[in-house]
N, C-alpha and C. Protein backbone atom coordinates (compact mmCIF):
# COMPACT_ATOMS: atom_id res chain seq x y z
N GLY A 1 -11.13 2.55 -10.86
CA GLY A 1 -10.05 2.19 -9.98
C GLY A 1 -8.75 1.92 -10.69
N LYS A 2 -8.74 1.94 -12.03
CA LYS A 2 -7.53 1.60 -12.77
C LYS A 2 -6.69 2.84 -13.02
N MET A 3 -5.96 3.25 -12.01
CA MET A 3 -5.11 4.41 -12.11
C MET A 3 -3.71 3.97 -12.48
N ALA A 4 -2.95 4.87 -13.06
CA ALA A 4 -1.58 4.56 -13.44
C ALA A 4 -0.71 5.76 -13.18
N ALA A 5 0.56 5.50 -12.89
CA ALA A 5 1.52 6.56 -12.67
C ALA A 5 2.85 6.11 -13.25
N PRO A 6 3.68 7.03 -13.67
CA PRO A 6 4.96 6.63 -14.25
C PRO A 6 5.88 6.02 -13.22
N MET A 7 6.67 5.02 -13.66
CA MET A 7 7.66 4.39 -12.80
C MET A 7 8.96 5.15 -12.89
N SER A 8 9.80 4.97 -11.89
CA SER A 8 11.13 5.56 -11.95
C SER A 8 11.97 4.85 -13.00
N ARG A 9 12.98 5.52 -13.52
CA ARG A 9 13.84 4.93 -14.54
C ARG A 9 14.53 3.68 -14.01
N GLU A 10 14.84 3.67 -12.71
CA GLU A 10 15.54 2.52 -12.12
C GLU A 10 14.71 1.25 -12.20
N ARG A 11 13.38 1.40 -12.11
CA ARG A 11 12.50 0.24 -12.03
C ARG A 11 12.18 -0.35 -13.40
N ARG A 12 12.19 0.45 -14.47
CA ARG A 12 11.78 -0.01 -15.78
C ARG A 12 12.66 -1.17 -16.25
N GLY A 13 12.01 -2.15 -16.85
CA GLY A 13 12.76 -3.24 -17.46
C GLY A 13 13.06 -4.40 -16.53
N THR A 14 12.73 -4.30 -15.23
CA THR A 14 12.97 -5.42 -14.33
C THR A 14 11.78 -6.37 -14.38
N GLU A 15 11.97 -7.58 -13.87
CA GLU A 15 10.94 -8.59 -13.98
C GLU A 15 9.83 -8.38 -12.96
N PRO A 16 8.59 -8.76 -13.31
CA PRO A 16 7.49 -8.69 -12.34
C PRO A 16 7.80 -9.52 -11.10
N GLY A 17 7.39 -9.03 -9.96
CA GLY A 17 7.61 -9.77 -8.73
C GLY A 17 9.07 -9.87 -8.35
N ALA A 18 9.88 -8.90 -8.74
CA ALA A 18 11.33 -8.97 -8.49
C ALA A 18 11.62 -8.99 -7.00
N ALA A 19 12.42 -9.95 -6.58
CA ALA A 19 12.71 -10.14 -5.15
C ALA A 19 13.37 -8.94 -4.47
N PRO A 20 14.19 -8.14 -5.16
CA PRO A 20 14.83 -7.03 -4.44
C PRO A 20 13.85 -6.05 -3.81
N TYR A 21 12.62 -6.00 -4.29
CA TYR A 21 11.65 -5.05 -3.76
C TYR A 21 10.62 -5.72 -2.84
N GLY A 22 10.70 -7.04 -2.69
CA GLY A 22 9.78 -7.74 -1.81
C GLY A 22 8.39 -7.93 -2.37
N ASN A 23 8.19 -7.57 -3.64
CA ASN A 23 6.85 -7.68 -4.22
C ASN A 23 6.66 -9.05 -4.87
N PHE A 24 6.50 -10.05 -4.02
CA PHE A 24 6.37 -11.43 -4.49
C PHE A 24 4.94 -11.69 -4.96
N PRO A 25 4.77 -12.38 -6.09
CA PRO A 25 3.44 -12.55 -6.68
C PRO A 25 2.42 -13.27 -5.79
N ASN A 26 2.86 -14.20 -4.95
CA ASN A 26 1.91 -14.99 -4.15
C ASN A 26 2.09 -14.74 -2.66
N TYR A 27 2.42 -13.51 -2.31
CA TYR A 27 2.73 -13.18 -0.92
C TYR A 27 1.56 -13.50 0.02
N SER A 28 0.33 -13.24 -0.42
CA SER A 28 -0.82 -13.41 0.46
C SER A 28 -1.07 -14.87 0.81
N ARG A 29 -0.54 -15.81 0.02
CA ARG A 29 -0.72 -17.22 0.35
C ARG A 29 0.07 -17.61 1.59
N PHE A 30 1.19 -16.93 1.80
CA PHE A 30 2.04 -17.25 2.94
C PHE A 30 1.73 -16.37 4.16
N HIS A 31 1.10 -15.23 3.92
CA HIS A 31 0.73 -14.30 5.00
C HIS A 31 -0.72 -13.90 4.79
N PRO A 32 -1.67 -14.74 5.20
CA PRO A 32 -3.08 -14.50 4.92
C PRO A 32 -3.55 -13.13 5.41
N PRO A 33 -4.17 -12.33 4.55
CA PRO A 33 -4.63 -11.00 4.95
C PRO A 33 -5.60 -11.02 6.12
N GLU A 34 -6.46 -12.04 6.17
CA GLU A 34 -7.47 -12.10 7.24
C GLU A 34 -6.81 -12.16 8.61
N GLU A 35 -5.70 -12.90 8.71
CA GLU A 35 -5.01 -13.00 10.00
C GLU A 35 -4.39 -11.66 10.38
N ARG A 36 -3.90 -10.93 9.41
CA ARG A 36 -3.22 -9.66 9.69
C ARG A 36 -4.21 -8.58 10.11
N VAL A 37 -5.34 -8.48 9.42
CA VAL A 37 -6.30 -7.43 9.77
C VAL A 37 -7.07 -7.76 11.04
N SER A 38 -7.08 -9.04 11.43
CA SER A 38 -7.82 -9.40 12.66
C SER A 38 -7.20 -8.76 13.90
N LEU A 39 -5.97 -8.30 13.79
CA LEU A 39 -5.31 -7.63 14.92
C LEU A 39 -5.82 -6.20 15.11
N LEU A 40 -6.50 -5.66 14.12
CA LEU A 40 -7.01 -4.29 14.23
C LEU A 40 -8.36 -4.28 14.94
N PRO A 41 -8.59 -3.31 15.81
CA PRO A 41 -9.87 -3.26 16.54
C PRO A 41 -11.03 -2.94 15.61
N GLN A 42 -12.19 -3.46 15.95
CA GLN A 42 -13.41 -3.10 15.22
C GLN A 42 -13.74 -1.64 15.50
N GLY A 43 -14.36 -1.00 14.53
CA GLY A 43 -14.77 0.38 14.72
C GLY A 43 -13.63 1.37 14.75
N LEU A 44 -12.50 1.01 14.13
CA LEU A 44 -11.31 1.87 14.20
C LEU A 44 -11.56 3.23 13.55
N LEU A 45 -12.20 3.24 12.39
CA LEU A 45 -12.42 4.51 11.70
C LEU A 45 -13.33 5.44 12.49
N SER A 46 -14.39 4.90 13.04
CA SER A 46 -15.32 5.75 13.78
C SER A 46 -14.68 6.29 15.06
N SER A 47 -13.76 5.53 15.66
CA SER A 47 -13.10 6.02 16.87
C SER A 47 -12.03 7.06 16.55
N LEU A 48 -11.34 6.89 15.42
CA LEU A 48 -10.32 7.86 15.03
C LEU A 48 -10.92 9.12 14.41
N PHE A 49 -12.02 8.95 13.68
CA PHE A 49 -12.60 10.06 12.93
C PHE A 49 -14.10 10.19 13.21
N PRO A 50 -14.47 10.54 14.44
CA PRO A 50 -15.90 10.59 14.77
C PRO A 50 -16.67 11.65 13.99
N SER A 51 -16.01 12.73 13.58
CA SER A 51 -16.74 13.80 12.90
C SER A 51 -16.01 14.34 11.68
N ALA A 52 -15.05 13.58 11.14
CA ALA A 52 -14.27 14.04 9.99
C ALA A 52 -15.12 14.01 8.72
N THR A 53 -14.72 14.83 7.76
CA THR A 53 -15.40 14.88 6.47
C THR A 53 -15.32 13.52 5.78
N ARG A 54 -16.44 13.10 5.21
CA ARG A 54 -16.48 11.86 4.45
C ARG A 54 -16.52 12.19 2.96
N PRO A 55 -15.96 11.35 2.10
CA PRO A 55 -15.31 10.09 2.48
C PRO A 55 -13.94 10.33 3.10
N LEU A 56 -13.57 9.42 3.98
CA LEU A 56 -12.20 9.41 4.48
C LEU A 56 -11.30 8.93 3.35
N LEU A 57 -10.07 9.42 3.34
CA LEU A 57 -9.12 9.04 2.31
C LEU A 57 -7.99 8.22 2.92
N GLY A 58 -7.69 7.06 2.33
CA GLY A 58 -6.63 6.19 2.81
C GLY A 58 -5.58 5.96 1.75
N LEU A 59 -4.35 5.76 2.18
CA LEU A 59 -3.22 5.49 1.28
C LEU A 59 -2.54 4.20 1.74
N ASP A 60 -2.47 3.22 0.84
CA ASP A 60 -1.82 1.94 1.14
C ASP A 60 -0.57 1.84 0.28
N VAL A 61 0.60 1.88 0.92
CA VAL A 61 1.88 1.89 0.21
C VAL A 61 2.44 0.47 0.14
N GLY A 62 2.80 0.03 -1.06
CA GLY A 62 3.34 -1.32 -1.23
C GLY A 62 2.25 -2.36 -1.13
N CYS A 63 1.19 -2.20 -1.93
CA CYS A 63 -0.02 -3.02 -1.79
C CYS A 63 0.08 -4.40 -2.42
N ASN A 64 1.18 -4.69 -3.14
CA ASN A 64 1.34 -5.99 -3.81
C ASN A 64 0.15 -6.19 -4.76
N SER A 65 -0.47 -7.36 -4.76
CA SER A 65 -1.57 -7.62 -5.69
C SER A 65 -2.94 -7.33 -5.10
N GLY A 66 -2.97 -6.63 -3.97
CA GLY A 66 -4.21 -6.05 -3.50
C GLY A 66 -5.03 -6.84 -2.50
N GLU A 67 -4.66 -8.08 -2.21
CA GLU A 67 -5.49 -8.87 -1.29
C GLU A 67 -5.59 -8.23 0.09
N LEU A 68 -4.46 -7.76 0.62
CA LEU A 68 -4.49 -7.14 1.94
C LEU A 68 -5.24 -5.82 1.90
N SER A 69 -5.10 -5.07 0.82
CA SER A 69 -5.82 -3.80 0.69
C SER A 69 -7.33 -4.03 0.78
N VAL A 70 -7.80 -5.04 0.06
CA VAL A 70 -9.24 -5.37 0.09
C VAL A 70 -9.66 -5.81 1.49
N ALA A 71 -8.83 -6.64 2.12
CA ALA A 71 -9.16 -7.11 3.47
C ALA A 71 -9.19 -5.95 4.46
N LEU A 72 -8.26 -5.00 4.33
CA LEU A 72 -8.27 -3.81 5.18
C LEU A 72 -9.55 -3.02 4.98
N TYR A 73 -9.92 -2.80 3.74
CA TYR A 73 -11.12 -2.05 3.42
C TYR A 73 -12.36 -2.71 4.02
N GLN A 74 -12.47 -4.02 3.83
CA GLN A 74 -13.61 -4.73 4.38
C GLN A 74 -13.65 -4.66 5.90
N HIS A 75 -12.48 -4.85 6.52
CA HIS A 75 -12.42 -4.85 7.98
C HIS A 75 -12.77 -3.47 8.55
N LEU A 76 -12.22 -2.45 7.95
CA LEU A 76 -12.45 -1.09 8.45
C LEU A 76 -13.91 -0.68 8.33
N LEU A 77 -14.60 -1.19 7.32
CA LEU A 77 -16.00 -0.83 7.10
C LEU A 77 -16.97 -1.89 7.60
N GLY A 78 -16.45 -2.97 8.18
CA GLY A 78 -17.31 -4.02 8.72
C GLY A 78 -18.08 -4.77 7.64
N LEU A 79 -17.46 -4.95 6.47
CA LEU A 79 -18.11 -5.64 5.36
C LEU A 79 -17.81 -7.13 5.39
N GLN A 80 -18.68 -7.88 4.76
CA GLN A 80 -18.45 -9.30 4.57
C GLN A 80 -17.56 -9.50 3.36
N ASP A 81 -17.32 -10.75 2.97
CA ASP A 81 -16.45 -11.08 1.84
C ASP A 81 -16.95 -10.38 0.59
N GLY A 82 -16.20 -9.37 0.13
CA GLY A 82 -16.61 -8.58 -1.03
C GLY A 82 -16.55 -9.34 -2.32
N ALA A 83 -15.85 -10.48 -2.35
CA ALA A 83 -15.74 -11.23 -3.60
C ALA A 83 -17.07 -11.86 -4.00
N SER A 84 -17.98 -12.02 -3.03
CA SER A 84 -19.23 -12.68 -3.34
C SER A 84 -20.43 -11.75 -3.24
N SER A 85 -20.21 -10.47 -3.00
CA SER A 85 -21.31 -9.54 -2.87
C SER A 85 -20.97 -8.23 -3.54
N PRO A 86 -21.97 -7.53 -4.11
CA PRO A 86 -21.69 -6.26 -4.77
C PRO A 86 -21.28 -5.19 -3.78
N GLU A 87 -20.62 -4.19 -4.29
CA GLU A 87 -20.14 -3.11 -3.44
C GLU A 87 -21.31 -2.29 -2.92
N ALA A 88 -21.34 -2.06 -1.62
CA ALA A 88 -22.41 -1.26 -1.02
C ALA A 88 -22.15 0.22 -1.29
N PRO A 89 -23.13 0.95 -1.83
CA PRO A 89 -22.91 2.37 -2.14
C PRO A 89 -22.45 3.19 -0.94
N GLU A 90 -23.01 2.91 0.23
CA GLU A 90 -22.65 3.69 1.41
C GLU A 90 -21.19 3.47 1.82
N ALA A 91 -20.63 2.31 1.48
CA ALA A 91 -19.22 2.06 1.80
C ALA A 91 -18.33 3.01 1.04
N GLY A 92 -18.63 3.24 -0.23
CA GLY A 92 -17.85 4.16 -1.03
C GLY A 92 -17.92 5.59 -0.55
N GLU A 93 -19.00 5.92 0.14
CA GLU A 93 -19.14 7.26 0.69
C GLU A 93 -18.36 7.41 1.99
N GLU A 94 -17.97 6.31 2.59
CA GLU A 94 -17.26 6.33 3.87
C GLU A 94 -15.75 6.38 3.69
N LEU A 95 -15.20 5.61 2.73
CA LEU A 95 -13.75 5.49 2.59
C LEU A 95 -13.36 5.29 1.14
N LYS A 96 -12.38 6.07 0.69
CA LYS A 96 -11.74 5.88 -0.60
C LYS A 96 -10.28 5.52 -0.33
N LEU A 97 -9.83 4.42 -0.92
CA LEU A 97 -8.50 3.90 -0.64
C LEU A 97 -7.66 3.92 -1.92
N LEU A 98 -6.51 4.60 -1.86
CA LEU A 98 -5.56 4.62 -2.96
C LEU A 98 -4.40 3.68 -2.59
N CYS A 99 -4.17 2.68 -3.43
CA CYS A 99 -3.16 1.66 -3.16
C CYS A 99 -2.11 1.69 -4.26
N CYS A 100 -0.85 1.68 -3.88
CA CYS A 100 0.21 1.76 -4.89
C CYS A 100 1.28 0.70 -4.64
N ASP A 101 1.91 0.30 -5.74
CA ASP A 101 3.01 -0.66 -5.66
C ASP A 101 3.95 -0.40 -6.82
N ILE A 102 5.20 -0.76 -6.64
CA ILE A 102 6.23 -0.52 -7.64
C ILE A 102 6.16 -1.49 -8.82
N ASP A 103 5.41 -2.58 -8.66
CA ASP A 103 5.37 -3.63 -9.67
C ASP A 103 4.10 -3.51 -10.53
N PRO A 104 4.24 -3.23 -11.84
CA PRO A 104 3.06 -3.05 -12.69
C PRO A 104 2.23 -4.31 -12.87
N GLU A 105 2.87 -5.47 -12.87
CA GLU A 105 2.12 -6.72 -13.06
C GLU A 105 1.24 -7.01 -11.86
N LEU A 106 1.75 -6.77 -10.66
CA LEU A 106 0.94 -6.98 -9.47
C LEU A 106 -0.22 -6.01 -9.41
N ILE A 107 0.00 -4.78 -9.84
CA ILE A 107 -1.08 -3.80 -9.89
C ILE A 107 -2.14 -4.23 -10.90
N ARG A 108 -1.72 -4.75 -12.04
CA ARG A 108 -2.69 -5.23 -13.03
C ARG A 108 -3.57 -6.33 -12.42
N ARG A 109 -2.97 -7.24 -11.67
CA ARG A 109 -3.75 -8.31 -11.03
C ARG A 109 -4.73 -7.71 -10.01
N ALA A 110 -4.27 -6.73 -9.26
CA ALA A 110 -5.13 -6.10 -8.26
C ALA A 110 -6.33 -5.42 -8.92
N GLN A 111 -6.10 -4.74 -10.02
CA GLN A 111 -7.18 -4.06 -10.72
C GLN A 111 -8.19 -5.05 -11.27
N GLN A 112 -7.73 -6.18 -11.74
CA GLN A 112 -8.63 -7.16 -12.34
C GLN A 112 -9.47 -7.89 -11.30
N SER A 113 -8.95 -8.04 -10.09
CA SER A 113 -9.64 -8.87 -9.10
C SER A 113 -10.38 -8.07 -8.02
N SER A 114 -10.25 -6.77 -8.01
CA SER A 114 -10.83 -5.98 -6.92
C SER A 114 -12.36 -6.03 -6.94
N PRO A 115 -12.98 -6.36 -5.80
CA PRO A 115 -14.45 -6.34 -5.72
C PRO A 115 -15.01 -4.94 -5.45
N PHE A 116 -14.12 -3.95 -5.24
CA PHE A 116 -14.57 -2.60 -4.91
C PHE A 116 -13.92 -1.57 -5.84
N PRO A 117 -14.16 -1.67 -7.14
CA PRO A 117 -13.44 -0.81 -8.09
C PRO A 117 -13.73 0.67 -7.95
N SER A 118 -14.89 1.04 -7.42
CA SER A 118 -15.19 2.47 -7.30
C SER A 118 -14.66 3.07 -6.00
N SER A 119 -14.22 2.23 -5.08
CA SER A 119 -13.75 2.72 -3.79
C SER A 119 -12.27 2.48 -3.55
N ILE A 120 -11.69 1.48 -4.23
CA ILE A 120 -10.27 1.17 -4.08
C ILE A 120 -9.60 1.37 -5.43
N SER A 121 -8.64 2.28 -5.50
CA SER A 121 -7.88 2.54 -6.72
C SER A 121 -6.48 1.96 -6.58
N PHE A 122 -6.03 1.25 -7.59
CA PHE A 122 -4.69 0.65 -7.59
C PHE A 122 -3.83 1.36 -8.63
N ALA A 123 -2.62 1.74 -8.22
CA ALA A 123 -1.73 2.51 -9.09
C ALA A 123 -0.32 1.97 -9.05
N ASN A 124 0.30 1.91 -10.21
CA ASN A 124 1.71 1.55 -10.31
C ASN A 124 2.55 2.79 -10.01
N LEU A 125 3.23 2.79 -8.86
CA LEU A 125 3.94 3.98 -8.41
C LEU A 125 5.13 3.59 -7.55
N ASP A 126 6.27 4.19 -7.81
CA ASP A 126 7.43 4.07 -6.94
C ASP A 126 7.35 5.21 -5.92
N ILE A 127 6.98 4.88 -4.70
CA ILE A 127 6.75 5.90 -3.68
C ILE A 127 8.03 6.66 -3.33
N MET A 128 9.19 6.10 -3.68
CA MET A 128 10.46 6.76 -3.38
C MET A 128 10.93 7.68 -4.50
N ASP A 129 10.16 7.79 -5.56
CA ASP A 129 10.51 8.66 -6.68
C ASP A 129 9.67 9.93 -6.62
N PRO A 130 10.21 11.04 -6.14
CA PRO A 130 9.40 12.25 -5.97
C PRO A 130 8.85 12.80 -7.27
N GLU A 131 9.56 12.61 -8.39
CA GLU A 131 9.07 13.14 -9.66
C GLU A 131 7.77 12.47 -10.08
N SER A 132 7.60 11.21 -9.76
CA SER A 132 6.35 10.50 -10.05
C SER A 132 5.34 10.67 -8.92
N ARG A 133 5.83 10.61 -7.71
CA ARG A 133 4.96 10.56 -6.53
C ARG A 133 4.16 11.84 -6.31
N GLU A 134 4.83 12.95 -6.32
CA GLU A 134 4.17 14.19 -5.89
C GLU A 134 3.02 14.60 -6.79
N PRO A 135 3.20 14.67 -8.12
CA PRO A 135 2.05 15.06 -8.94
C PRO A 135 0.92 14.05 -8.90
N PHE A 136 1.27 12.77 -8.78
CA PHE A 136 0.24 11.74 -8.79
C PHE A 136 -0.61 11.79 -7.52
N LEU A 137 0.03 11.84 -6.36
CA LEU A 137 -0.73 11.89 -5.10
C LEU A 137 -1.51 13.19 -4.99
N ASN A 138 -0.91 14.28 -5.42
CA ASN A 138 -1.62 15.57 -5.36
C ASN A 138 -2.85 15.56 -6.26
N SER A 139 -2.74 14.91 -7.42
CA SER A 139 -3.88 14.82 -8.32
C SER A 139 -5.03 14.05 -7.68
N PHE A 140 -4.70 12.95 -7.00
CA PHE A 140 -5.74 12.17 -6.30
C PHE A 140 -6.41 13.01 -5.21
N LEU A 141 -5.62 13.68 -4.41
CA LEU A 141 -6.16 14.47 -3.30
C LEU A 141 -7.04 15.61 -3.81
N ARG A 142 -6.63 16.23 -4.92
CA ARG A 142 -7.41 17.36 -5.45
C ARG A 142 -8.80 16.93 -5.91
N ARG A 143 -8.92 15.67 -6.30
CA ARG A 143 -10.25 15.18 -6.70
C ARG A 143 -11.26 15.30 -5.58
N PHE A 144 -10.79 15.29 -4.35
CA PHE A 144 -11.68 15.37 -3.19
C PHE A 144 -11.54 16.69 -2.44
N GLY A 145 -10.79 17.63 -3.04
CA GLY A 145 -10.60 18.92 -2.39
C GLY A 145 -9.81 18.82 -1.10
N ARG A 146 -8.86 17.90 -1.05
CA ARG A 146 -8.11 17.66 0.18
C ARG A 146 -6.63 17.88 -0.08
N SER A 147 -5.88 18.07 1.00
CA SER A 147 -4.43 18.25 0.90
C SER A 147 -3.65 17.12 1.57
N SER A 148 -4.36 16.18 2.22
CA SER A 148 -3.69 15.07 2.89
C SER A 148 -4.65 13.90 3.02
N PHE A 149 -4.09 12.73 3.38
CA PHE A 149 -4.88 11.53 3.61
C PHE A 149 -5.24 11.44 5.10
N ASP A 150 -6.35 10.81 5.38
CA ASP A 150 -6.76 10.62 6.78
C ASP A 150 -5.95 9.50 7.44
N ILE A 151 -5.74 8.43 6.70
CA ILE A 151 -5.04 7.29 7.29
C ILE A 151 -4.15 6.65 6.23
N GLY A 152 -2.97 6.22 6.66
CA GLY A 152 -2.03 5.55 5.77
C GLY A 152 -1.68 4.17 6.29
N PHE A 153 -1.33 3.27 5.37
CA PHE A 153 -0.96 1.91 5.71
C PHE A 153 0.37 1.59 5.06
N CYS A 154 1.29 1.06 5.85
CA CYS A 154 2.60 0.65 5.35
C CYS A 154 2.84 -0.75 5.92
N MET A 155 2.37 -1.75 5.19
CA MET A 155 2.27 -3.10 5.72
C MET A 155 3.38 -3.99 5.15
N SER A 156 4.32 -4.36 6.02
CA SER A 156 5.46 -5.20 5.63
C SER A 156 6.21 -4.62 4.44
N VAL A 157 6.46 -3.33 4.50
CA VAL A 157 7.14 -2.60 3.43
C VAL A 157 8.44 -1.95 3.91
N THR A 158 8.48 -1.55 5.18
CA THR A 158 9.61 -0.74 5.65
C THR A 158 10.96 -1.43 5.48
N MET A 159 11.01 -2.77 5.65
CA MET A 159 12.28 -3.46 5.50
C MET A 159 12.83 -3.33 4.09
N TRP A 160 11.94 -3.42 3.09
CA TRP A 160 12.39 -3.37 1.70
C TRP A 160 12.88 -1.97 1.33
N ILE A 161 12.22 -0.96 1.87
CA ILE A 161 12.70 0.41 1.68
C ILE A 161 14.07 0.56 2.35
N HIS A 162 14.18 0.01 3.55
CA HIS A 162 15.41 0.10 4.34
C HIS A 162 16.57 -0.57 3.61
N LEU A 163 16.33 -1.78 3.08
CA LEU A 163 17.40 -2.52 2.41
C LEU A 163 17.81 -1.85 1.09
N ASN A 164 16.85 -1.32 0.36
CA ASN A 164 17.14 -0.75 -0.95
C ASN A 164 17.57 0.71 -0.91
N HIS A 165 17.20 1.43 0.15
CA HIS A 165 17.48 2.86 0.21
C HIS A 165 18.24 3.28 1.48
N GLY A 166 18.55 2.33 2.33
CA GLY A 166 19.34 2.64 3.52
C GLY A 166 18.58 3.38 4.60
N ASP A 167 19.30 3.77 5.67
CA ASP A 167 18.68 4.48 6.78
C ASP A 167 18.00 5.76 6.32
N ARG A 168 18.69 6.49 5.44
CA ARG A 168 18.15 7.76 4.98
C ARG A 168 16.83 7.56 4.23
N GLY A 169 16.78 6.52 3.40
CA GLY A 169 15.55 6.25 2.66
C GLY A 169 14.39 5.87 3.56
N LEU A 170 14.67 5.06 4.59
CA LEU A 170 13.61 4.69 5.52
C LEU A 170 13.08 5.91 6.26
N LEU A 171 13.98 6.76 6.74
CA LEU A 171 13.55 7.97 7.42
C LEU A 171 12.77 8.89 6.48
N GLU A 172 13.21 8.94 5.23
CA GLU A 172 12.50 9.76 4.25
C GLU A 172 11.08 9.26 4.04
N LEU A 173 10.93 7.94 3.91
CA LEU A 173 9.59 7.38 3.72
C LEU A 173 8.69 7.68 4.91
N LEU A 174 9.19 7.44 6.13
CA LEU A 174 8.36 7.66 7.31
C LEU A 174 8.00 9.13 7.48
N ALA A 175 8.95 10.01 7.17
CA ALA A 175 8.66 11.44 7.24
C ALA A 175 7.61 11.83 6.20
N LEU A 176 7.74 11.27 5.00
CA LEU A 176 6.78 11.55 3.95
C LEU A 176 5.38 11.11 4.36
N LEU A 177 5.25 9.86 4.81
CA LEU A 177 3.94 9.35 5.17
C LEU A 177 3.38 10.09 6.38
N GLY A 178 4.26 10.47 7.31
CA GLY A 178 3.81 11.25 8.46
C GLY A 178 3.26 12.61 8.06
N SER A 179 3.83 13.19 7.01
CA SER A 179 3.35 14.49 6.54
C SER A 179 2.10 14.36 5.68
N LEU A 180 1.91 13.20 5.07
CA LEU A 180 0.77 13.00 4.17
C LEU A 180 -0.48 12.50 4.88
N CYS A 181 -0.31 11.84 6.04
CA CYS A 181 -1.42 11.13 6.68
C CYS A 181 -1.62 11.60 8.12
N THR A 182 -2.88 11.77 8.51
CA THR A 182 -3.17 12.14 9.90
C THR A 182 -2.80 11.00 10.84
N PHE A 183 -3.14 9.77 10.48
CA PHE A 183 -2.76 8.58 11.23
C PHE A 183 -2.03 7.64 10.28
N LEU A 184 -1.05 6.91 10.82
CA LEU A 184 -0.26 5.99 10.01
C LEU A 184 -0.14 4.65 10.73
N LEU A 185 -0.53 3.59 10.06
CA LEU A 185 -0.40 2.24 10.60
C LEU A 185 0.78 1.55 9.92
N VAL A 186 1.76 1.15 10.70
CA VAL A 186 2.97 0.52 10.17
C VAL A 186 3.05 -0.92 10.68
N GLU A 187 3.24 -1.85 9.77
CA GLU A 187 3.48 -3.25 10.11
C GLU A 187 4.94 -3.55 9.76
N PRO A 188 5.85 -3.46 10.73
CA PRO A 188 7.28 -3.64 10.44
C PRO A 188 7.65 -5.11 10.37
N GLN A 189 8.76 -5.40 9.72
CA GLN A 189 9.27 -6.76 9.68
C GLN A 189 10.31 -6.96 10.77
N PRO A 190 10.32 -8.12 11.43
CA PRO A 190 11.30 -8.40 12.48
C PRO A 190 12.68 -8.67 11.88
N TRP A 191 13.68 -8.71 12.74
CA TRP A 191 15.07 -8.84 12.29
C TRP A 191 15.33 -10.14 11.54
N ARG A 192 14.63 -11.21 11.89
CA ARG A 192 14.83 -12.47 11.17
C ARG A 192 14.46 -12.31 9.69
N CYS A 193 13.49 -11.47 9.39
CA CYS A 193 13.12 -11.22 8.00
C CYS A 193 14.24 -10.45 7.29
N TYR A 194 14.90 -9.55 8.00
CA TYR A 194 16.04 -8.84 7.42
C TYR A 194 17.13 -9.83 7.02
N ARG A 195 17.43 -10.77 7.89
CA ARG A 195 18.49 -11.74 7.59
C ARG A 195 18.15 -12.56 6.35
N ALA A 196 16.90 -13.03 6.27
CA ALA A 196 16.49 -13.83 5.12
C ALA A 196 16.52 -13.01 3.84
N ALA A 197 16.05 -11.78 3.91
CA ALA A 197 16.03 -10.92 2.73
C ALA A 197 17.44 -10.57 2.28
N ALA A 198 18.34 -10.32 3.23
CA ALA A 198 19.72 -10.00 2.88
C ALA A 198 20.39 -11.17 2.16
N ARG A 199 20.12 -12.39 2.62
CA ARG A 199 20.67 -13.56 1.93
C ARG A 199 20.14 -13.64 0.50
N ARG A 200 18.85 -13.38 0.33
CA ARG A 200 18.25 -13.44 -1.00
C ARG A 200 18.84 -12.38 -1.92
N LEU A 201 19.01 -11.18 -1.41
CA LEU A 201 19.57 -10.10 -2.23
C LEU A 201 21.01 -10.37 -2.61
N ARG A 202 21.78 -10.95 -1.71
CA ARG A 202 23.18 -11.26 -2.04
C ARG A 202 23.28 -12.36 -3.10
N ARG A 203 22.33 -13.30 -3.07
CA ARG A 203 22.29 -14.33 -4.12
C ARG A 203 22.00 -13.70 -5.48
N LEU A 204 21.31 -12.57 -5.47
CA LEU A 204 20.99 -11.87 -6.71
C LEU A 204 22.08 -10.90 -7.12
N GLY A 205 23.17 -10.89 -6.37
CA GLY A 205 24.31 -10.06 -6.75
C GLY A 205 24.39 -8.73 -6.03
N ARG A 206 23.51 -8.48 -5.06
CA ARG A 206 23.56 -7.24 -4.31
C ARG A 206 24.59 -7.34 -3.19
N ARG A 207 25.65 -6.57 -3.23
CA ARG A 207 26.69 -6.61 -2.22
C ARG A 207 26.83 -5.27 -1.51
N ASP A 208 25.92 -4.34 -1.82
CA ASP A 208 26.08 -2.98 -1.31
C ASP A 208 25.12 -2.67 -0.16
N LEU A 209 24.62 -3.69 0.53
CA LEU A 209 23.68 -3.45 1.63
C LEU A 209 24.39 -2.79 2.81
N GLU A 210 23.76 -1.75 3.35
CA GLU A 210 24.37 -1.06 4.49
C GLU A 210 24.34 -1.97 5.72
């Protein structure tokens, strides 16, 4: 599960958990993953993919340190707390999840703590950098003889793409994920989060927000 991909030149040299990208080190403490995944219906994969080729392939964009990715995996497969039980072989045959984040330190934490290393892969990747993104995602898909993902997750990420890349960047991301994934689950941030994030970015010297 310890995959790696090159970062964009813009990202190199910045501090782990840098606020401009929303990749805060302790995000899951303030937004518990269990509460977020509880909104998803049970049996979602079987209802969406009753006869699709297994394993299903999932892409989680902006996974932070992986807690929500693990919770999503467990919820989708109906597993109990994976931290206290070994990975079930049949689960790995059902779903393979590729999770990426722009922050290498958060990815390192995710790789070290994942209870499902053979089924969930964590990669340091700037999804907005096509030079890094395209060969890396294509390499993952080719391992399974596939050209696209079955399901994608974009959980509390769209605002940060929007703030850092503008309207065009947000549309680019959504178009990309729409072309890469048969189904896409988006957890957007409300406008109050935009206001708070804009204040934080301006304190850091960002004055170019659209």
